[in-house]
Amino acid sequence: MIESARLSSNFQMLWDQTSSEIREIYGEKYLASNCMEHALTACRPCTRYSAGWDAKLFYLPLSYLPTFLVDALLYWTSMKPEKAL
């Protein structure tokens, strides 16, 4: 788990096993900029990782807000069913 060369080869093997559709959606940069590798192998991992633009621009800022504000914001902006079950 600690050997970065072995971990990189395992990531490459898993990447090669995925379908071409998935690889096309994520792009080749995904494998090169994998924050999961840093989270697992770093001596001093970060407290928060943002793995995409949606995480950087939406979810990470939300994580710094008080919980009641986040809950209210998500409640107001989420889709509601027309009829209750």
PDB file of N, CA and C in Angstrom:
ATOM      1  N   MET A   1       0.818  -1.188   0.000  1.00  0.00           N
ATOM      2  CA  MET A   1       0.000   0.000   0.000  1.00  0.00           C
ATOM      3  C   MET A   1       0.863   1.254   0.000  1.00  0.00           C
ATOM      4  N   ILE A   2       2.040   1.175   0.583  1.00  0.00           N
ATOM      5  CA  ILE A   2       2.878   2.359   0.710  1.00  0.00           C
ATOM      6  C   ILE A   2       3.685   2.620  -0.560  1.00  0.00           C
ATOM      7  N   GLU A   3       4.020   1.592  -1.302  1.00  0.00           N
ATOM      8  CA  GLU A   3       4.837   1.757  -2.505  1.00  0.00           C
ATOM      9  C   GLU A   3       4.035   2.498  -3.576  1.00  0.00           C
ATOM     10  N   SER A   4       4.478   3.695  -3.929  1.00  0.00           N
ATOM     11  CA  SER A   4       3.719   4.497  -4.891  1.00  0.00           C
ATOM     12  C   SER A   4       3.744   3.894  -6.292  1.00  0.00           C
ATOM     13  N   ALA A   5       4.841   3.215  -6.661  1.00  0.00           N
ATOM     14  CA  ALA A   5       4.900   2.590  -7.984  1.00  0.00           C
ATOM     15  C   ALA A   5       3.873   1.464  -8.088  1.00  0.00           C
ATOM     16  N   ARG A   6       3.752   0.685  -7.035  1.00  0.00           N
ATOM     17  CA  ARG A   6       2.776  -0.408  -7.043  1.00  0.00           C
ATOM     18  C   ARG A   6       1.355   0.140  -7.049  1.00  0.00           C
ATOM     19  N   LEU A   7       1.114   1.177  -6.291  1.00  0.00           N
ATOM     20  CA  LEU A   7      -0.209   1.791  -6.260  1.00  0.00           C
ATOM     21  C   LEU A   7      -0.565   2.385  -7.613  1.00  0.00           C
ATOM     22  N   SER A   8       0.387   3.041  -8.257  1.00  0.00           N
ATOM     23  CA  SER A   8       0.149   3.611  -9.584  1.00  0.00           C
ATOM     24  C   SER A   8      -0.145   2.521 -10.605  1.00  0.00           C
ATOM     25  N   SER A   9       0.568   1.411 -10.517  1.00  0.00           N
ATOM     26  CA  SER A   9       0.308   0.328 -11.461  1.00  0.00           C
ATOM     27  C   SER A   9      -1.066  -0.287 -11.222  1.00  0.00           C
ATOM     28  N   ASN A  10      -1.500  -0.355  -9.961  1.00  0.00           N
ATOM     29  CA  ASN A  10      -2.845  -0.857  -9.668  1.00  0.00           C
ATOM     30  C   ASN A  10      -3.917   0.084 -10.208  1.00  0.00           C
ATOM     31  N   PHE A  11      -3.708   1.397 -10.055  1.00  0.00           N
ATOM     32  CA  PHE A  11      -4.650   2.365 -10.622  1.00  0.00           C
ATOM     33  C   PHE A  11      -4.709   2.227 -12.137  1.00  0.00           C
ATOM     34  N   GLN A  12      -3.554   2.060 -12.766  1.00  0.00           N
ATOM     35  CA  GLN A  12      -3.509   1.910 -14.223  1.00  0.00           C
ATOM     36  C   GLN A  12      -4.230   0.638 -14.664  1.00  0.00           C
ATOM     37  N   MET A  13      -4.047  -0.437 -13.914  1.00  0.00           N
ATOM     38  CA  MET A  13      -4.717  -1.690 -14.244  1.00  0.00           C
ATOM     39  C   MET A  13      -6.241  -1.544 -14.137  1.00  0.00           C
ATOM     40  N   LEU A  14      -6.701  -0.902 -13.071  1.00  0.00           N
ATOM     41  CA  LEU A  14      -8.140  -0.686 -12.916  1.00  0.00           C
ATOM     42  C   LEU A  14      -8.677   0.235 -14.000  1.00  0.00           C
ATOM     43  N   TRP A  15      -7.904   1.253 -14.358  1.00  0.00           N
ATOM     44  CA  TRP A  15      -8.302   2.181 -15.419  1.00  0.00           C
ATOM     45  C   TRP A  15      -8.426   1.444 -16.753  1.00  0.00           C
ATOM     46  N   ASP A  16      -7.498   0.536 -17.012  1.00  0.00           N
ATOM     47  CA  ASP A  16      -7.539  -0.229 -18.264  1.00  0.00           C
ATOM     48  C   ASP A  16      -8.734  -1.178 -18.309  1.00  0.00           C
ATOM     49  N   GLN A  17      -9.216  -1.603 -17.164  1.00  0.00           N
ATOM     50  CA  GLN A  17     -10.352  -2.523 -17.112  1.00  0.00           C
ATOM     51  C   GLN A  17     -11.696  -1.831 -17.277  1.00  0.00           C
ATOM     52  N   THR A  18     -11.743  -0.523 -17.087  1.00  0.00           N
ATOM     53  CA  THR A  18     -13.019   0.189 -17.226  1.00  0.00           C
ATOM     54  C   THR A  18     -13.420   0.267 -18.686  1.00  0.00           C
ATOM     55  N   SER A  19     -14.683   0.507 -18.906  1.00  0.00           N
ATOM     56  CA  SER A  19     -15.179   0.585 -20.286  1.00  0.00           C
ATOM     57  C   SER A  19     -14.679   1.864 -20.945  1.00  0.00           C
ATOM     58  N   SER A  20     -14.665   1.844 -22.260  1.00  0.00           N
ATOM     59  CA  SER A  20     -14.192   3.019 -23.003  1.00  0.00           C
ATOM     60  C   SER A  20     -15.117   4.204 -22.783  1.00  0.00           C
ATOM     61  N   GLU A  21     -16.394   3.944 -22.543  1.00  0.00           N
ATOM     62  CA  GLU A  21     -17.343   5.032 -22.282  1.00  0.00           C
ATOM     63  C   GLU A  21     -16.992   5.774 -20.995  1.00  0.00           C
ATOM     64  N   ILE A  22     -16.662   5.024 -19.966  1.00  0.00           N
ATOM     65  CA  ILE A  22     -16.275   5.629 -18.686  1.00  0.00           C
ATOM     66  C   ILE A  22     -14.981   6.412 -18.842  1.00  0.00           C
ATOM     67  N   ARG A  23     -14.011   5.837 -19.551  1.00  0.00           N
ATOM     68  CA  ARG A  23     -12.732   6.549 -19.751  1.00  0.00           C
ATOM     69  C   ARG A  23     -12.940   7.834 -20.542  1.00  0.00           C
ATOM     70  N   GLU A  24     -13.862   7.812 -21.494  1.00  0.00           N
ATOM     71  CA  GLU A  24     -14.138   9.010 -22.287  1.00  0.00           C
ATOM     72  C   GLU A  24     -14.806  10.085 -21.435  1.00  0.00           C
ATOM     73  N   ILE A  25     -15.705   9.673 -20.544  1.00  0.00           N
ATOM     74  CA  ILE A  25     -16.401  10.631 -19.679  1.00  0.00           C
ATOM     75  C   ILE A  25     -15.412  11.313 -18.739  1.00  0.00           C
ATOM     76  N   TYR A  26     -14.550  10.533 -18.096  1.00  0.00           N
ATOM     77  CA  TYR A  26     -13.613  11.099 -17.127  1.00  0.00           C
ATOM     78  C   TYR A  26     -12.409  11.749 -17.782  1.00  0.00           C
ATOM     79  N   GLY A  27     -11.985  11.262 -18.917  1.00  0.00           N
ATOM     80  CA  GLY A  27     -10.816  11.817 -19.586  1.00  0.00           C
ATOM     81  C   GLY A  27      -9.518  11.261 -19.040  1.00  0.00           C
ATOM     82  N   GLU A  28      -8.461  11.452 -19.803  1.00  0.00           N
ATOM     83  CA  GLU A  28      -7.149  10.922 -19.400  1.00  0.00           C
ATOM     84  C   GLU A  28      -6.548  11.696 -18.227  1.00  0.00           C
ATOM     85  N   LYS A  29      -6.957  12.942 -18.038  1.00  0.00           N
ATOM     86  CA  LYS A  29      -6.416  13.730 -16.931  1.00  0.00           C
ATOM     87  C   LYS A  29      -6.858  13.191 -15.577  1.00  0.00           C
ATOM     88  N   TYR A  30      -7.981  12.464 -15.556  1.00  0.00           N
ATOM     89  CA  TYR A  30      -8.497  11.929 -14.291  1.00  0.00           C
ATOM     90  C   TYR A  30      -7.493  10.996 -13.628  1.00  0.00           C
ATOM     91  N   LEU A  31      -6.899  10.140 -14.417  1.00  0.00           N
ATOM     92  CA  LEU A  31      -5.929   9.197 -13.861  1.00  0.00           C
ATOM     93  C   LEU A  31      -4.680   9.916 -13.355  1.00  0.00           C
ATOM     94  N   ALA A  32      -4.268  10.955 -14.049  1.00  0.00           N
ATOM     95  CA  ALA A  32      -3.052  11.672 -13.667  1.00  0.00           C
ATOM     96  C   ALA A  32      -3.266  12.548 -12.427  1.00  0.00           C
ATOM     97  N   SER A  33      -4.470  13.057 -12.239  1.00  0.00           N
ATOM     98  CA  SER A  33      -4.719  13.980 -11.124  1.00  0.00           C
ATOM     99  C   SER A  33      -5.662  13.348 -10.111  1.00  0.00           C
ATOM    100  N   ASN A  34      -5.299  12.172  -9.637  1.00  0.00           N
ATOM    101  CA  ASN A  34      -6.172  11.442  -8.721  1.00  0.00           C
ATOM    102  C   ASN A  34      -5.860  11.856  -7.291  1.00  0.00           C
ATOM    103  N   CYS A  35      -6.816  12.497  -6.616  1.00  0.00           N
ATOM    104  CA  CYS A  35      -6.594  12.938  -5.240  1.00  0.00           C
ATOM    105  C   CYS A  35      -6.705  11.774  -4.255  1.00  0.00           C
ATOM    106  N   MET A  36      -7.314  10.666  -4.673  1.00  0.00           N
ATOM    107  CA  MET A  36      -7.425   9.500  -3.797  1.00  0.00           C
ATOM    108  C   MET A  36      -6.042   8.925  -3.490  1.00  0.00           C
ATOM    109  N   GLU A  37      -5.169   8.928  -4.470  1.00  0.00           N
ATOM    110  CA  GLU A  37      -3.807   8.435  -4.258  1.00  0.00           C
ATOM    111  C   GLU A  37      -3.106   9.265  -3.192  1.00  0.00           C
ATOM    112  N   HIS A  38      -3.261  10.571  -3.259  1.00  0.00           N
ATOM    113  CA  HIS A  38      -2.637  11.440  -2.258  1.00  0.00           C
ATOM    114  C   HIS A  38      -3.254  11.214  -0.882  1.00  0.00           C
ATOM    115  N   ALA A  39      -4.569  11.025  -0.842  1.00  0.00           N
ATOM    116  CA  ALA A  39      -5.238  10.812   0.440  1.00  0.00           C
ATOM    117  C   ALA A  39      -4.783   9.521   1.107  1.00  0.00           C
ATOM    118  N   LEU A  40      -4.477   8.501   0.316  1.00  0.00           N
ATOM    119  CA  LEU A  40      -4.085   7.214   0.879  1.00  0.00           C
ATOM    120  C   LEU A  40      -2.608   7.106   1.203  1.00  0.00           C
ATOM    121  N   THR A  41      -1.768   7.829   0.462  1.00  0.00           N
ATOM    122  CA  THR A  41      -0.323   7.613   0.613  1.00  0.00           C
ATOM    123  C   THR A  41       0.429   8.776   1.251  1.00  0.00           C
ATOM    124  N   ALA A  42      -0.197   9.914   1.457  1.00  0.00           N
ATOM    125  CA  ALA A  42       0.514  11.082   1.971  1.00  0.00           C
ATOM    126  C   ALA A  42       0.830  10.926   3.459  1.00  0.00           C
ATOM    127  N   CYS A  43       1.972  11.448   3.861  1.00  0.00           N
ATOM    128  CA  CYS A  43       2.323  11.442   5.277  1.00  0.00           C
ATOM    129  C   CYS A  43       1.418  12.394   6.052  1.00  0.00           C
ATOM    130  N   ARG A  44       1.075  13.513   5.428  1.00  0.00           N
ATOM    131  CA  ARG A  44       0.183  14.505   6.028  1.00  0.00           C
ATOM    132  C   ARG A  44      -0.969  14.791   5.057  1.00  0.00           C
ATOM    133  N   PRO A  45      -1.998  13.931   5.032  1.00  0.00           N
ATOM    134  CA  PRO A  45      -3.102  14.150   4.096  1.00  0.00           C
ATOM    135  C   PRO A  45      -3.894  15.403   4.461  1.00  0.00           C
ATOM    136  N   CYS A  46      -4.532  15.988   3.478  1.00  0.00           N
ATOM    137  CA  CYS A  46      -5.366  17.175   3.689  1.00  0.00           C
ATOM    138  C   CYS A  46      -6.625  16.779   4.441  1.00  0.00           C
ATOM    139  N   THR A  47      -7.226  17.752   5.102  1.00  0.00           N
ATOM    140  CA  THR A  47      -8.472  17.463   5.808  1.00  0.00           C
ATOM    141  C   THR A  47      -9.647  17.383   4.845  1.00  0.00           C
ATOM    142  N   ARG A  48      -9.574  18.123   3.722  1.00  0.00           N
ATOM    143  CA  ARG A  48     -10.644  18.092   2.726  1.00  0.00           C
ATOM    144  C   ARG A  48     -10.020  18.010   1.341  1.00  0.00           C
ATOM    145  N   TYR A  49     -10.604  17.167   0.507  1.00  0.00           N
ATOM    146  CA  TYR A  49     -10.189  17.045  -0.886  1.00  0.00           C
ATOM    147  C   TYR A  49     -11.359  17.430  -1.771  1.00  0.00           C
ATOM    148  N   SER A  50     -11.077  18.139  -2.835  1.00  0.00           N
ATOM    149  CA  SER A  50     -12.125  18.471  -3.799  1.00  0.00           C
ATOM    150  C   SER A  50     -11.731  17.846  -5.129  1.00  0.00           C
ATOM    151  N   ALA A  51     -12.506  16.852  -5.533  1.00  0.00           N
ATOM    152  CA  ALA A  51     -12.132  16.034  -6.675  1.00  0.00           C
ATOM    153  C   ALA A  51     -12.638  16.529  -8.014  1.00  0.00           C
ATOM    154  N   GLY A  52     -13.415  17.562  -8.050  1.00  0.00           N
ATOM    155  CA  GLY A  52     -13.926  18.073  -9.316  1.00  0.00           C
ATOM    156  C   GLY A  52     -14.375  19.507  -9.160  1.00  0.00           C
ATOM    157  N   TRP A  53     -14.745  20.123 -10.280  1.00  0.00           N
ATOM    158  CA  TRP A  53     -15.173  21.527 -10.215  1.00  0.00           C
ATOM    159  C   TRP A  53     -16.444  21.691  -9.403  1.00  0.00           C
ATOM    160  N   ASP A  54     -17.359  20.713  -9.446  1.00  0.00           N
ATOM    161  CA  ASP A  54     -18.563  20.817  -8.635  1.00  0.00           C
ATOM    162  C   ASP A  54     -18.215  20.794  -7.149  1.00  0.00           C
ATOM    163  N   ALA A  55     -17.229  19.997  -6.780  1.00  0.00           N
ATOM    164  CA  ALA A  55     -16.807  19.952  -5.391  1.00  0.00           C
ATOM    165  C   ALA A  55     -16.104  21.245  -4.985  1.00  0.00           C
ATOM    166  N   LYS A  56     -15.265  21.783  -5.868  1.00  0.00           N
ATOM    167  CA  LYS A  56     -14.521  23.003  -5.544  1.00  0.00           C
ATOM    168  C   LYS A  56     -15.421  24.223  -5.444  1.00  0.00           C
ATOM    169  N   LEU A  57     -16.421  24.300  -6.313  1.00  0.00           N
ATOM    170  CA  LEU A  57     -17.235  25.514  -6.386  1.00  0.00           C
ATOM    171  C   LEU A  57     -18.542  25.436  -5.609  1.00  0.00           C
ATOM    172  N   PHE A  58     -18.984  24.233  -5.264  1.00  0.00           N
ATOM    173  CA  PHE A  58     -20.270  24.127  -4.578  1.00  0.00           C
ATOM    174  C   PHE A  58     -20.156  23.417  -3.228  1.00  0.00           C
ATOM    175  N   TYR A  59     -19.708  22.168  -3.225  1.00  0.00           N
ATOM    176  CA  TYR A  59     -19.735  21.376  -2.003  1.00  0.00           C
ATOM    177  C   TYR A  59     -18.688  21.801  -0.974  1.00  0.00           C
ATOM    178  N   LEU A  60     -17.524  22.175  -1.400  1.00  0.00           N
ATOM    179  CA  LEU A  60     -16.501  22.615  -0.441  1.00  0.00           C
ATOM    180  C   LEU A  60     -16.923  23.892   0.283  1.00  0.00           C
ATOM    181  N   PRO A  61     -17.405  24.926  -0.434  1.00  0.00           N
ATOM    182  CA  PRO A  61     -17.901  26.096   0.307  1.00  0.00           C
ATOM    183  C   PRO A  61     -19.075  25.763   1.231  1.00  0.00           C
ATOM    184  N   LEU A  62     -19.954  24.856   0.794  1.00  0.00           N
ATOM    185  CA  LEU A  62     -21.070  24.467   1.660  1.00  0.00           C
ATOM    186  C   LEU A  62     -20.585  23.800   2.938  1.00  0.00           C
ATOM    187  N   SER A  63     -19.482  23.085   2.865  1.00  0.00           N
ATOM    188  CA  SER A  63     -18.993  22.375   4.049  1.00  0.00           C
ATOM    189  C   SER A  63     -18.505  23.323   5.142  1.00  0.00           C
ATOM    190  N   TYR A  64     -18.225  24.575   4.803  1.00  0.00           N
ATOM    191  CA  TYR A  64     -17.778  25.552   5.798  1.00  0.00           C
ATOM    192  C   TYR A  64     -18.941  26.302   6.442  1.00  0.00           C
ATOM    193  N   LEU A  65     -20.146  26.167   5.881  1.00  0.00           N
ATOM    194  CA  LEU A  65     -21.315  26.846   6.433  1.00  0.00           C
ATOM    195  C   LEU A  65     -21.897  26.051   7.593  1.00  0.00           C
ATOM    196  N   PRO A  66     -22.663  26.724   8.465  1.00  0.00           N
ATOM    197  CA  PRO A  66     -23.353  25.977   9.516  1.00  0.00           C
ATOM    198  C   PRO A  66     -24.358  24.990   8.923  1.00  0.00           C
ATOM    199  N   THR A  67     -24.581  23.902   9.599  1.00  0.00           N
ATOM    200  CA  THR A  67     -25.421  22.827   9.091  1.00  0.00           C
ATOM    201  C   THR A  67     -26.841  23.286   8.809  1.00  0.00           C
ATOM    202  N   PHE A  68     -27.413  24.117   9.670  1.00  0.00           N
ATOM    203  CA  PHE A  68     -28.798  24.526   9.455  1.00  0.00           C
ATOM    204  C   PHE A  68     -28.945  25.355   8.179  1.00  0.00           C
ATOM    205  N   LEU A  69     -27.937  26.126   7.811  1.00  0.00           N
ATOM    206  CA  LEU A  69     -27.996  26.890   6.564  1.00  0.00           C
ATOM    207  C   LEU A  69     -27.901  25.972   5.342  1.00  0.00           C
ATOM    208  N   VAL A  70     -27.012  25.000   5.407  1.00  0.00           N
ATOM    209  CA  VAL A  70     -26.869  24.051   4.299  1.00  0.00           C
ATOM    210  C   VAL A  70     -28.149  23.247   4.123  1.00  0.00           C
ATOM    211  N   ASP A  71     -28.714  22.787   5.243  1.00  0.00           N
ATOM    212  CA  ASP A  71     -29.963  22.032   5.169  1.00  0.00           C
ATOM    213  C   ASP A  71     -31.081  22.869   4.559  1.00  0.00           C
ATOM    214  N   ALA A  72     -31.200  24.125   4.980  1.00  0.00           N
ATOM    215  CA  ALA A  72     -32.235  25.006   4.443  1.00  0.00           C
ATOM    216  C   ALA A  72     -32.015  25.267   2.958  1.00  0.00           C
ATOM    217  N   LEU A  73     -30.797  25.522   2.569  1.00  0.00           N
ATOM    218  CA  LEU A  73     -30.490  25.790   1.156  1.00  0.00           C
ATOM    219  C   LEU A  73     -30.806  24.578   0.285  1.00  0.00           C
ATOM    220  N   LEU A  74     -30.385  23.410   0.710  1.00  0.00           N
ATOM    221  CA  LEU A  74     -30.668  22.199  -0.063  1.00  0.00           C
ATOM    222  C   LEU A  74     -32.155  21.873  -0.080  1.00  0.00           C
ATOM    223  N   TYR A  75     -32.857  22.161   1.004  1.00  0.00           N
ATOM    224  CA  TYR A  75     -34.298  21.917   1.052  1.00  0.00           C
ATOM    225  C   TYR A  75     -35.027  22.841   0.076  1.00  0.00           C
ATOM    226  N   TRP A  76     -34.660  24.108   0.058  1.00  0.00           N
ATOM    227  CA  TRP A  76     -35.342  25.072  -0.806  1.00  0.00           C
ATOM    228  C   TRP A  76     -35.062  24.837  -2.279  1.00  0.00           C
ATOM    229  N   THR A  77     -33.872  24.363  -2.602  1.00  0.00           N
ATOM    230  CA  THR A  77     -33.500  24.209  -4.012  1.00  0.00           C
ATOM    231  C   THR A  77     -33.766  22.811  -4.565  1.00  0.00           C
ATOM    232  N   SER A  78     -34.086  21.859  -3.707  1.00  0.00           N
ATOM    233  CA  SER A  78     -34.298  20.495  -4.207  1.00  0.00           C
ATOM    234  C   SER A  78     -35.695  20.351  -4.812  1.00  0.00           C
ATOM    235  N   MET A  79     -35.803  19.391  -5.726  1.00  0.00           N
ATOM    236  CA  MET A  79     -37.096  19.121  -6.350  1.00  0.00           C
ATOM    237  C   MET A  79     -38.005  18.417  -5.351  1.00  0.00           C
ATOM    238  N   LYS A  80     -39.271  18.769  -5.373  1.00  0.00           N
ATOM    239  CA  LYS A  80     -40.258  18.178  -4.476  1.00  0.00           C
ATOM    240  C   LYS A  80     -41.201  17.296  -5.305  1.00  0.00           C
ATOM    241  N   PRO A  81     -41.641  16.172  -4.757  1.00  0.00           N
ATOM    242  CA  PRO A  81     -42.614  15.358  -5.473  1.00  0.00           C
ATOM    243  C   PRO A  81     -43.976  16.049  -5.511  1.00  0.00           C
ATOM    244  N   GLU A  82     -44.758  15.768  -6.542  1.00  0.00           N
ATOM    245  CA  GLU A  82     -46.077  16.391  -6.647  1.00  0.00           C
ATOM    246  C   GLU A  82     -47.031  15.854  -5.594  1.00  0.00           C
ATOM    247  N   LYS A  83     -46.935  14.571  -5.325  1.00  0.00           N
ATOM    248  CA  LYS A  83     -47.817  13.959  -4.322  1.00  0.00           C
ATOM    249  C   LYS A  83     -46.974  13.207  -3.317  1.00  0.00           C
ATOM    250  N   ALA A  84     -47.403  13.274  -2.077  1.00  0.00           N
ATOM    251  CA  ALA A  84     -46.707  12.535  -1.019  1.00  0.00           C
ATOM    252  C   ALA A  84     -47.075  11.064  -1.107  1.00  0.00           C
ATOM    253  N   LEU A  85     -46.181  10.207  -0.689  1.00  0.00           N
ATOM    254  CA  LEU A  85     -46.468   8.764  -0.704  1.00  0.00           C
ATOM    255  C   LEU A  85     -47.378   8.364   0.414  1.00  0.00           C
TER     256      LEU A  85
END
